[in-house]
Amino acid sequence: MITLFRVVTYLKFNYMQKNKSRGLGDSIDRFTRATGIKSLVQLGTQVAGKKDCGCNKRKDKLNKMFPYKK
């Protein structure tokens, strides 16, 4: 019998394999999403009347500066 834990573990493993971090920017992005910081920043950006907080540019720049070796 397949348990819910096995299904969740399998799905999480496949997600992690497909979405491996390319560098430090991806790792920081995952951390901020998991803790809810990214949502707060996006909300604050909208309240301030700005369109973009610059997170994606910062993430790409950090990935280029500190890439993970393959």
Protein backbone atom coordinates (compact mmCIF):
# COMPACT_ATOMS: atom_id res chain seq x y z
CA MET A 1 0.00 0.00 0.00
CA ILE A 2 1.35 3.41 -0.97
CA THR A 3 1.33 5.85 1.92
CA LEU A 4 0.84 9.58 1.68
CA PHE A 5 4.37 10.09 3.03
CA ARG A 6 5.85 8.10 0.13
CA VAL A 7 3.87 10.06 -2.43
CA VAL A 8 4.93 13.41 -0.94
CA THR A 9 8.56 12.29 -0.71
CA TYR A 10 8.52 11.12 -4.33
CA LEU A 11 6.99 14.38 -5.57
CA LYS A 12 9.42 16.48 -3.54
CA PHE A 13 12.41 14.50 -4.83
CA ASN A 14 11.31 14.89 -8.46
CA TYR A 15 10.73 18.62 -7.98
CA MET A 16 14.18 19.07 -6.46
CA GLN A 17 15.81 17.10 -9.29
CA LYS A 18 14.14 19.22 -11.98
CA ASN A 19 14.75 22.53 -10.20
CA LYS A 20 18.32 22.26 -8.99
CA SER A 21 19.91 25.46 -7.83
CA ARG A 22 22.30 26.95 -10.37
CA GLY A 23 23.95 29.21 -7.83
CA LEU A 24 23.63 31.24 -4.65
CA GLY A 25 20.76 33.32 -6.06
CA ASP A 26 18.55 30.24 -6.50
CA SER A 27 19.30 29.06 -2.96
CA ILE A 28 18.41 32.45 -1.49
CA ASP A 29 15.23 32.51 -3.60
CA ARG A 30 14.18 29.11 -2.21
CA PHE A 31 14.88 30.23 1.34
CA THR A 32 12.88 33.45 0.99
CA ARG A 33 9.95 31.59 -0.57
CA ALA A 34 9.95 28.95 2.20
CA THR A 35 10.04 31.53 5.00
CA GLY A 36 7.52 33.91 3.44
CA ILE A 37 9.96 36.79 3.11
CA LYS A 38 9.46 36.98 -0.65
CA SER A 39 5.70 37.41 -0.26
CA LEU A 40 6.21 40.25 2.21
CA VAL A 41 8.67 41.99 -0.09
CA GLN A 42 6.30 41.69 -3.05
CA LEU A 43 3.44 43.05 -0.96
CA GLY A 44 5.56 45.96 0.23
CA THR A 45 6.59 46.69 -3.35
CA GLN A 46 2.97 46.81 -4.47
CA VAL A 47 2.01 49.07 -1.57
CA ALA A 48 4.88 51.41 -2.48
CA GLY A 49 3.51 51.62 -6.02
CA LYS A 50 6.45 49.95 -7.76
CA LYS A 51 6.08 47.26 -10.40
CA ASP A 52 9.14 45.13 -9.61
CA CYS A 53 11.25 44.67 -6.51
CA GLY A 54 14.31 43.56 -8.51
CA CYS A 55 14.44 40.07 -7.01
CA ASN A 56 14.90 38.27 -10.34
CA LYS A 57 17.72 40.58 -11.46
CA ARG A 58 19.43 40.13 -8.10
CA LYS A 59 18.98 36.35 -8.26
CA ASP A 60 20.50 36.17 -11.77
CA LYS A 61 23.42 38.38 -10.74
CA LEU A 62 24.18 36.21 -7.69
CA ASN A 63 23.92 33.05 -9.81
CA LYS A 64 26.54 34.47 -12.20
CA MET A 65 28.82 35.66 -9.39
CA PHE A 66 28.59 32.46 -7.30
CA PRO A 67 27.66 29.50 -9.52
CA TYR A 68 27.54 25.96 -8.19
CA LYS A 69 29.88 23.54 -9.88
CA LYS A 70 28.31 20.70 -11.80
